[in-house]
Amino acid sequence: MSKGAPPGIRITQKDLIEGIDVDFSEEQESWNIYKLSDGTTMKVKLVLRGVKRLKRYSPDGNPIYIIQTQNVVRTLDIPKEIKAKPKERTIKPV
């Protein structure tokens, strides 16, 4: 679980267990908007799901945080020529 940790710092299972869950409130969650080379517009947003502050510090004295996130992806303006034909429903409406 050391991915994202400051260079030279290895995060252990013990660090995670002893870490402190930190509450948070959303101040702003903006969409990043990209135009793909195939003509599609893609919107991507990172949503924070959880934060844990470890009882460890980076070399410059800052606390180390572990975050849990979810990527939300939306596609818009998809060109007709790259879309597949919709599949038929297997369950008929009641």
Protein backbone atom coordinates (compact mmCIF):
# COMPACT_ATOMS: atom_id res chain seq x y z
CA MET A 1 0.00 0.00 0.00
CA SER A 2 3.01 2.26 -0.34
CA LYS A 3 1.76 3.63 -3.68
CA GLY A 4 1.55 7.39 -3.34
CA ALA A 5 3.73 7.53 -0.23
CA PRO A 6 6.62 9.99 -0.17
CA PRO A 7 9.84 8.59 -1.67
CA GLY A 8 11.70 6.31 0.72
CA ILE A 9 8.71 5.79 3.04
CA ARG A 10 7.12 2.34 3.14
CA ILE A 11 3.57 2.18 4.49
CA THR A 12 2.90 -0.95 6.56
CA GLN A 13 -0.29 -2.72 7.63
CA LYS A 14 0.43 -1.51 11.17
CA ASP A 15 0.53 2.11 9.91
CA LEU A 16 -2.91 1.65 8.36
CA ILE A 17 -4.40 0.03 11.47
CA GLU A 18 -3.04 2.75 13.76
CA GLY A 19 -4.01 5.56 11.39
CA ILE A 20 -6.75 8.02 12.31
CA ASP A 21 -9.87 8.35 10.15
CA VAL A 22 -10.37 12.01 9.27
CA ASP A 23 -13.81 13.46 8.49
CA PHE A 24 -14.13 15.81 5.55
CA SER A 25 -16.69 17.90 3.72
CA GLU A 26 -16.87 18.50 0.00
CA GLU A 27 -15.90 22.06 -0.89
CA GLN A 28 -15.60 21.57 -4.63
CA GLU A 29 -15.61 18.55 -6.94
CA SER A 30 -14.92 19.74 -10.45
CA TRP A 31 -15.10 17.78 -13.67
CA ASN A 32 -12.01 17.56 -15.88
CA ILE A 33 -13.18 17.67 -19.50
CA TYR A 34 -11.15 16.10 -22.32
CA LYS A 35 -11.66 15.99 -26.08
CA LEU A 36 -10.43 12.64 -27.41
CA SER A 37 -8.86 12.21 -30.83
CA ASP A 38 -11.86 10.08 -31.94
CA GLY A 39 -14.19 13.04 -31.34
CA THR A 40 -15.62 11.87 -28.01
CA THR A 41 -15.85 14.28 -25.08
CA MET A 42 -14.91 12.66 -21.77
CA LYS A 43 -15.65 14.09 -18.33
CA VAL A 44 -13.67 12.70 -15.38
CA LYS A 45 -14.05 13.50 -11.69
CA LEU A 46 -12.13 12.18 -8.69
CA VAL A 47 -14.45 11.69 -5.69
CA LEU A 48 -12.93 11.42 -2.22
CA ARG A 49 -14.45 8.49 -0.29
CA GLY A 50 -12.23 8.34 2.81
CA VAL A 51 -9.15 9.85 4.46
CA LYS A 52 -6.78 8.34 7.00
CA ARG A 53 -3.94 10.29 8.64
CA LEU A 54 -1.06 8.06 9.59
CA LYS A 55 1.04 8.48 12.70
CA ARG A 56 4.00 8.99 10.37
CA TYR A 57 5.50 12.06 8.77
CA SER A 58 7.34 12.91 5.58
CA PRO A 59 10.96 14.11 5.85
CA ASP A 60 9.76 17.73 5.79
CA GLY A 61 7.44 17.14 8.78
CA ASN A 62 4.08 16.91 6.99
CA PRO A 63 1.67 14.19 8.12
CA ILE A 64 1.12 11.35 5.66
CA TYR A 65 -2.46 10.81 4.49
CA ILE A 66 -3.91 7.77 2.76
CA ILE A 67 -6.97 8.47 0.64
CA GLN A 68 -9.70 6.27 -0.80
CA THR A 69 -11.14 7.61 -4.05
CA GLN A 70 -13.54 6.77 -6.83
CA ASN A 71 -13.15 7.83 -10.45
CA VAL A 72 -16.40 8.92 -12.10
CA VAL A 73 -16.29 8.91 -15.91
CA ARG A 74 -18.90 10.19 -18.36
CA THR A 75 -18.68 10.17 -22.14
CA LEU A 76 -20.51 12.71 -24.26
CA ASP A 77 -20.80 13.57 -27.94
CA ILE A 78 -19.69 10.12 -29.08
CA PRO A 79 -19.50 10.09 -32.90
CA LYS A 80 -22.07 7.75 -34.52
CA GLU A 81 -19.42 5.96 -36.55
CA ILE A 82 -17.67 4.57 -33.45
CA LYS A 83 -20.80 3.49 -31.57
CA ALA A 84 -21.87 -0.17 -31.55
CA LYS A 85 -25.41 -1.21 -32.34
CA PRO A 86 -27.44 -1.41 -29.08
CA LYS A 87 -28.17 -4.96 -27.91
CA GLU A 88 -31.74 -6.18 -27.71
CA ARG A 89 -33.29 -6.43 -24.27
CA THR A 90 -33.32 -9.94 -22.85
CA ILE A 91 -35.97 -9.11 -20.26
CA LYS A 92 -39.24 -7.79 -21.59
CA PRO A 93 -40.95 -4.95 -19.67
CA VAL A 94 -43.97 -5.96 -17.58
